[in-house]
Amino acid sequence: PDELLNADLKHHVHAARAASADLAR
């Protein structure tokens, strides 16, 4: 279940478009 949450997070929070502080927020 942790990996499924991680995949969901990666799908919805796009690291490529966010600066480090934005990514954390």
PDB file of all heavy atoms in Angstrom:
ATOM      1  N   PRO A   1       0.804  -1.228   0.000  1.00  0.00           N
ATOM      2  CA  PRO A   1       0.000   0.000   0.000  1.00  0.00           C
ATOM      3  C   PRO A   1       0.839   1.282   0.000  1.00  0.00           C
ATOM      4  O   PRO A   1       0.463   2.269  -0.616  1.00  0.00           O
ATOM      5  CB  PRO A   1      -0.835  -0.121   1.279  1.00  0.00           C
ATOM      6  CG  PRO A   1      -0.963  -1.595   1.484  1.00  0.00           C
ATOM      7  CD  PRO A   1       0.348  -2.161   1.041  1.00  0.00           C
ATOM      8  N   ASP A   2       2.007   1.256   0.646  1.00  0.00           N
ATOM      9  CA  ASP A   2       2.878   2.433   0.619  1.00  0.00           C
ATOM     10  C   ASP A   2       3.331   2.763  -0.790  1.00  0.00           C
ATOM     11  O   ASP A   2       3.403   3.931  -1.187  1.00  0.00           O
ATOM     12  CB  ASP A   2       4.119   2.217   1.494  1.00  0.00           C
ATOM     13  CG  ASP A   2       3.791   2.133   2.967  1.00  0.00           C
ATOM     14  OD1 ASP A   2       2.760   2.691   3.377  1.00  0.00           O
ATOM     15  OD2 ASP A   2       4.573   1.514   3.703  1.00  0.00           O
ATOM     16  N   GLU A   3       3.662   1.728  -1.552  1.00  0.00           N
ATOM     17  CA  GLU A   3       4.107   1.938  -2.926  1.00  0.00           C
ATOM     18  C   GLU A   3       2.965   2.469  -3.798  1.00  0.00           C
ATOM     19  O   GLU A   3       3.198   3.249  -4.720  1.00  0.00           O
ATOM     20  CB  GLU A   3       4.665   0.644  -3.511  1.00  0.00           C
ATOM     21  CG  GLU A   3       5.949   0.196  -2.857  1.00  0.00           C
ATOM     22  CD  GLU A   3       7.078   1.197  -3.029  1.00  0.00           C
ATOM     23  OE1 GLU A   3       7.141   1.892  -4.050  1.00  0.00           O
ATOM     24  OE2 GLU A   3       7.911   1.281  -2.105  1.00  0.00           O
ATOM     25  N   LEU A   4       1.743   2.045  -3.510  1.00  0.00           N
ATOM     26  CA  LEU A   4       0.603   2.550  -4.269  1.00  0.00           C
ATOM     27  C   LEU A   4       0.375   4.029  -3.971  1.00  0.00           C
ATOM     28  O   LEU A   4       0.080   4.815  -4.877  1.00  0.00           O
ATOM     29  CB  LEU A   4      -0.647   1.726  -3.964  1.00  0.00           C
ATOM     30  CG  LEU A   4      -0.569   0.265  -4.411  1.00  0.00           C
ATOM     31  CD1 LEU A   4      -1.794  -0.496  -3.947  1.00  0.00           C
ATOM     32  CD2 LEU A   4      -0.411   0.165  -5.912  1.00  0.00           C
ATOM     33  N   LEU A   5       0.528   4.430  -2.720  1.00  0.00           N
ATOM     34  CA  LEU A   5       0.440   5.848  -2.371  1.00  0.00           C
ATOM     35  C   LEU A   5       1.550   6.628  -3.058  1.00  0.00           C
ATOM     36  O   LEU A   5       1.317   7.703  -3.614  1.00  0.00           O
ATOM     37  CB  LEU A   5       0.524   6.044  -0.855  1.00  0.00           C
ATOM     38  CG  LEU A   5       0.640   7.501  -0.382  1.00  0.00           C
ATOM     39  CD1 LEU A   5      -0.591   8.309  -0.772  1.00  0.00           C
ATOM     40  CD2 LEU A   5       0.880   7.558   1.109  1.00  0.00           C
ATOM     41  N   ASN A   6       2.755   6.085  -3.052  1.00  0.00           N
ATOM     42  CA  ASN A   6       3.878   6.747  -3.699  1.00  0.00           C
ATOM     43  C   ASN A   6       3.618   6.938  -5.193  1.00  0.00           C
ATOM     44  O   ASN A   6       3.885   8.007  -5.745  1.00  0.00           O
ATOM     45  CB  ASN A   6       5.155   5.934  -3.473  1.00  0.00           C
ATOM     46  CG  ASN A   6       6.385   6.656  -3.938  1.00  0.00           C
ATOM     47  OD1 ASN A   6       6.521   7.866  -3.750  1.00  0.00           O
ATOM     48  ND2 ASN A   6       7.294   5.921  -4.540  1.00  0.00           N
ATOM     49  N   ALA A   7       3.090   5.929  -5.853  1.00  0.00           N
ATOM     50  CA  ALA A   7       2.781   6.034  -7.278  1.00  0.00           C
ATOM     51  C   ALA A   7       1.696   7.085  -7.515  1.00  0.00           C
ATOM     52  O   ALA A   7       1.775   7.859  -8.476  1.00  0.00           O
ATOM     53  CB  ALA A   7       2.340   4.681  -7.820  1.00  0.00           C
ATOM     54  N   ASP A   8       0.693   7.117  -6.641  1.00  0.00           N
ATOM     55  CA  ASP A   8      -0.379   8.114  -6.739  1.00  0.00           C
ATOM     56  C   ASP A   8       0.198   9.524  -6.575  1.00  0.00           C
ATOM     57  O   ASP A   8      -0.131  10.438  -7.337  1.00  0.00           O
ATOM     58  CB  ASP A   8      -1.429   7.826  -5.661  1.00  0.00           C
ATOM     59  CG  ASP A   8      -2.730   8.560  -5.851  1.00  0.00           C
ATOM     60  OD1 ASP A   8      -2.997   9.057  -6.970  1.00  0.00           O
ATOM     61  OD2 ASP A   8      -3.504   8.622  -4.880  1.00  0.00           O
ATOM     62  N   LEU A   9       1.071   9.691  -5.599  1.00  0.00           N
ATOM     63  CA  LEU A   9       1.719  10.977  -5.363  1.00  0.00           C
ATOM     64  C   LEU A   9       2.509  11.406  -6.588  1.00  0.00           C
ATOM     65  O   LEU A   9       2.379  12.539  -7.057  1.00  0.00           O
ATOM     66  CB  LEU A   9       2.645  10.875  -4.144  1.00  0.00           C
ATOM     67  CG  LEU A   9       3.545  12.067  -3.858  1.00  0.00           C
ATOM     68  CD1 LEU A   9       2.715  13.277  -3.460  1.00  0.00           C
ATOM     69  CD2 LEU A   9       4.542  11.724  -2.774  1.00  0.00           C
ATOM     70  N   LYS A  10       3.315  10.510  -7.137  1.00  0.00           N
ATOM     71  CA  LYS A  10       4.122  10.838  -8.311  1.00  0.00           C
ATOM     72  C   LYS A  10       3.247  11.188  -9.513  1.00  0.00           C
ATOM     73  O   LYS A  10       3.608  12.030 -10.324  1.00  0.00           O
ATOM     74  CB  LYS A  10       5.041   9.676  -8.663  1.00  0.00           C
ATOM     75  CG  LYS A  10       6.189   9.528  -7.702  1.00  0.00           C
ATOM     76  CD  LYS A  10       7.071   8.365  -8.115  1.00  0.00           C
ATOM     77  CE  LYS A  10       8.246   8.215  -7.186  1.00  0.00           C
ATOM     78  NZ  LYS A  10       9.124   7.104  -7.595  1.00  0.00           N
ATOM     79  N   HIS A  11       2.107  10.535  -9.611  1.00  0.00           N
ATOM     80  CA  HIS A  11       1.194  10.809 -10.720  1.00  0.00           C
ATOM     81  C   HIS A  11       0.572  12.202 -10.610  1.00  0.00           C
ATOM     82  O   HIS A  11       0.362  12.866 -11.616  1.00  0.00           O
ATOM     83  CB  HIS A  11       0.091   9.738 -10.758  1.00  0.00           C
ATOM     84  CG  HIS A  11      -0.914   9.961 -11.826  1.00  0.00           C
ATOM     85  ND1 HIS A  11      -0.655   9.662 -13.152  1.00  0.00           N
ATOM     86  CD2 HIS A  11      -2.174  10.452 -11.786  1.00  0.00           C
ATOM     87  CE1 HIS A  11      -1.729   9.977 -13.865  1.00  0.00           C
ATOM     88  NE2 HIS A  11      -2.664  10.447 -13.062  1.00  0.00           N
ATOM     89  N   HIS A  12       0.290  12.643  -9.394  1.00  0.00           N
ATOM     90  CA  HIS A  12      -0.412  13.908  -9.201  1.00  0.00           C
ATOM     91  C   HIS A  12       0.478  15.101  -8.893  1.00  0.00           C
ATOM     92  O   HIS A  12       0.060  16.240  -9.081  1.00  0.00           O
ATOM     93  CB  HIS A  12      -1.458  13.761  -8.090  1.00  0.00           C
ATOM     94  CG  HIS A  12      -2.623  12.939  -8.526  1.00  0.00           C
ATOM     95  ND1 HIS A  12      -2.682  11.578  -8.325  1.00  0.00           N
ATOM     96  CD2 HIS A  12      -3.754  13.276  -9.167  1.00  0.00           C
ATOM     97  CE1 HIS A  12      -3.812  11.125  -8.832  1.00  0.00           C
ATOM     98  NE2 HIS A  12      -4.484  12.124  -9.347  1.00  0.00           N
ATOM     99  N   VAL A  13       1.684  14.879  -8.393  1.00  0.00           N
ATOM    100  CA  VAL A  13       2.604  15.974  -8.085  1.00  0.00           C
ATOM    101  C   VAL A  13       3.766  15.845  -9.064  1.00  0.00           C
ATOM    102  O   VAL A  13       4.553  14.915  -8.976  1.00  0.00           O
ATOM    103  CB  VAL A  13       3.099  15.907  -6.625  1.00  0.00           C
ATOM    104  CG1 VAL A  13       4.119  17.005  -6.357  1.00  0.00           C
ATOM    105  CG2 VAL A  13       1.928  16.020  -5.658  1.00  0.00           C
ATOM    106  N   HIS A  14       3.853  16.763  -9.964  1.00  0.00           N
ATOM    107  CA  HIS A  14       4.827  16.692 -11.044  1.00  0.00           C
ATOM    108  C   HIS A  14       6.114  17.419 -10.660  1.00  0.00           C
ATOM    109  O   HIS A  14       6.186  18.641 -10.698  1.00  0.00           O
ATOM    110  CB  HIS A  14       4.236  17.264 -12.322  1.00  0.00           C
ATOM    111  CG  HIS A  14       2.954  16.590 -12.703  1.00  0.00           C
ATOM    112  ND1 HIS A  14       2.926  15.336 -13.255  1.00  0.00           N
ATOM    113  CD2 HIS A  14       1.666  16.975 -12.574  1.00  0.00           C
ATOM    114  CE1 HIS A  14       1.669  14.986 -13.464  1.00  0.00           C
ATOM    115  NE2 HIS A  14       0.879  15.954 -13.054  1.00  0.00           N
ATOM    116  N   ALA A  15       7.127  16.659 -10.298  1.00  0.00           N
ATOM    117  CA  ALA A  15       8.398  17.214  -9.826  1.00  0.00           C
ATOM    118  C   ALA A  15       9.088  18.048 -10.901  1.00  0.00           C
ATOM    119  O   ALA A  15       9.754  19.029 -10.589  1.00  0.00           O
ATOM    120  CB  ALA A  15       9.315  16.086  -9.370  1.00  0.00           C
ATOM    121  N   ALA A  16       8.925  17.675 -12.142  1.00  0.00           N
ATOM    122  CA  ALA A  16       9.617  18.387 -13.214  1.00  0.00           C
ATOM    123  C   ALA A  16       9.150  19.836 -13.332  1.00  0.00           C
ATOM    124  O   ALA A  16       9.887  20.689 -13.798  1.00  0.00           O
ATOM    125  CB  ALA A  16       9.410  17.663 -14.540  1.00  0.00           C
ATOM    126  N   ARG A  17       7.936  20.108 -12.883  1.00  0.00           N
ATOM    127  CA  ARG A  17       7.387  21.458 -13.011  1.00  0.00           C
ATOM    128  C   ARG A  17       7.476  22.268 -11.724  1.00  0.00           C
ATOM    129  O   ARG A  17       7.003  23.395 -11.684  1.00  0.00           O
ATOM    130  CB  ARG A  17       5.927  21.387 -13.447  1.00  0.00           C
ATOM    131  CG  ARG A  17       5.791  20.904 -14.878  1.00  0.00           C
ATOM    132  CD  ARG A  17       4.378  21.042 -15.326  1.00  0.00           C
ATOM    133  NE  ARG A  17       3.650  19.854 -14.881  1.00  0.00           N
ATOM    134  CZ  ARG A  17       2.330  19.782 -14.799  1.00  0.00           C
ATOM    135  NH1 ARG A  17       1.593  20.807 -15.097  1.00  0.00           N
ATOM    136  NH2 ARG A  17       1.749  18.693 -14.406  1.00  0.00           N
ATOM    137  N   ALA A  18       8.068  21.708 -10.678  1.00  0.00           N
ATOM    138  CA  ALA A  18       8.069  22.397  -9.395  1.00  0.00           C
ATOM    139  C   ALA A  18       9.491  22.588  -8.884  1.00  0.00           C
ATOM    140  O   ALA A  18      10.324  21.702  -9.000  1.00  0.00           O
ATOM    141  CB  ALA A  18       7.268  21.594  -8.377  1.00  0.00           C
ATOM    142  N   ALA A  19       9.735  23.764  -8.318  1.00  0.00           N
ATOM    143  CA  ALA A  19      11.007  24.007  -7.637  1.00  0.00           C
ATOM    144  C   ALA A  19      10.998  23.206  -6.340  1.00  0.00           C
ATOM    145  O   ALA A  19       9.961  22.695  -5.912  1.00  0.00           O
ATOM    146  CB  ALA A  19      11.164  25.496  -7.357  1.00  0.00           C
ATOM    147  N   SER A  20      12.117  23.101  -5.704  1.00  0.00           N
ATOM    148  CA  SER A  20      12.242  22.280  -4.496  1.00  0.00           C
ATOM    149  C   SER A  20      11.221  22.657  -3.422  1.00  0.00           C
ATOM    150  O   SER A  20      10.547  21.800  -2.865  1.00  0.00           O
ATOM    151  CB  SER A  20      13.654  22.410  -3.943  1.00  0.00           C
ATOM    152  OG  SER A  20      13.812  21.620  -2.813  1.00  0.00           O
ATOM    153  N   ALA A  21      11.086  23.943  -3.121  1.00  0.00           N
ATOM    154  CA  ALA A  21      10.128  24.386  -2.098  1.00  0.00           C
ATOM    155  C   ALA A  21       8.700  24.116  -2.554  1.00  0.00           C
ATOM    156  O   ALA A  21       7.854  23.711  -1.754  1.00  0.00           O
ATOM    157  CB  ALA A  21      10.324  25.862  -1.791  1.00  0.00           C
ATOM    158  N   ASP A  22       8.437  24.334  -3.838  1.00  0.00           N
ATOM    159  CA  ASP A  22       7.101  24.062  -4.375  1.00  0.00           C
ATOM    160  C   ASP A  22       6.774  22.575  -4.300  1.00  0.00           C
ATOM    161  O   ASP A  22       5.644  22.197  -4.009  1.00  0.00           O
ATOM    162  CB  ASP A  22       6.993  24.516  -5.829  1.00  0.00           C
ATOM    163  CG  ASP A  22       7.033  26.024  -5.979  1.00  0.00           C
ATOM    164  OD1 ASP A  22       6.736  26.731  -4.999  1.00  0.00           O
ATOM    165  OD2 ASP A  22       7.369  26.483  -7.083  1.00  0.00           O
ATOM    166  N   LEU A  23       7.758  21.753  -4.571  1.00  0.00           N
ATOM    167  CA  LEU A  23       7.544  20.308  -4.541  1.00  0.00           C
ATOM    168  C   LEU A  23       7.160  19.850  -3.134  1.00  0.00           C
ATOM    169  O   LEU A  23       6.224  19.071  -2.969  1.00  0.00           O
ATOM    170  CB  LEU A  23       8.803  19.580  -5.014  1.00  0.00           C
ATOM    171  CG  LEU A  23       8.725  18.062  -5.084  1.00  0.00           C
ATOM    172  CD1 LEU A  23       7.603  17.612  -6.001  1.00  0.00           C
ATOM    173  CD2 LEU A  23      10.054  17.503  -5.557  1.00  0.00           C
ATOM    174  N   ALA A  24       7.846  20.358  -2.129  1.00  0.00           N
ATOM    175  CA  ALA A  24       7.522  19.999  -0.747  1.00  0.00           C
ATOM    176  C   ALA A  24       6.115  20.470  -0.395  1.00  0.00           C
ATOM    177  O   ALA A  24       5.342  19.723   0.211  1.00  0.00           O
ATOM    178  CB  ALA A  24       8.544  20.600   0.214  1.00  0.00           C
ATOM    179  N   ARG A  25       5.761  21.685  -0.781  1.00  0.00           N
ATOM    180  CA  ARG A  25       4.430  22.231  -0.488  1.00  0.00           C
ATOM    181  C   ARG A  25       3.352  21.426  -1.205  1.00  0.00           C
ATOM    182  O   ARG A  25       2.330  21.061  -0.603  1.00  0.00           O
ATOM    183  CB  ARG A  25       4.358  23.702  -0.887  1.00  0.00           C
ATOM    184  CG  ARG A  25       3.042  24.350  -0.463  1.00  0.00           C
ATOM    185  CD  ARG A  25       2.939  25.803  -0.904  1.00  0.00           C
ATOM    186  NE  ARG A  25       2.668  25.828  -2.344  1.00  0.00           N
ATOM    187  CZ  ARG A  25       3.434  26.440  -3.250  1.00  0.00           C
ATOM    188  NH1 ARG A  25       4.513  27.086  -2.889  1.00  0.00           N
ATOM    189  NH2 ARG A  25       3.117  26.411  -4.516  1.00  0.00           N
TER     190      ARG A  25
END
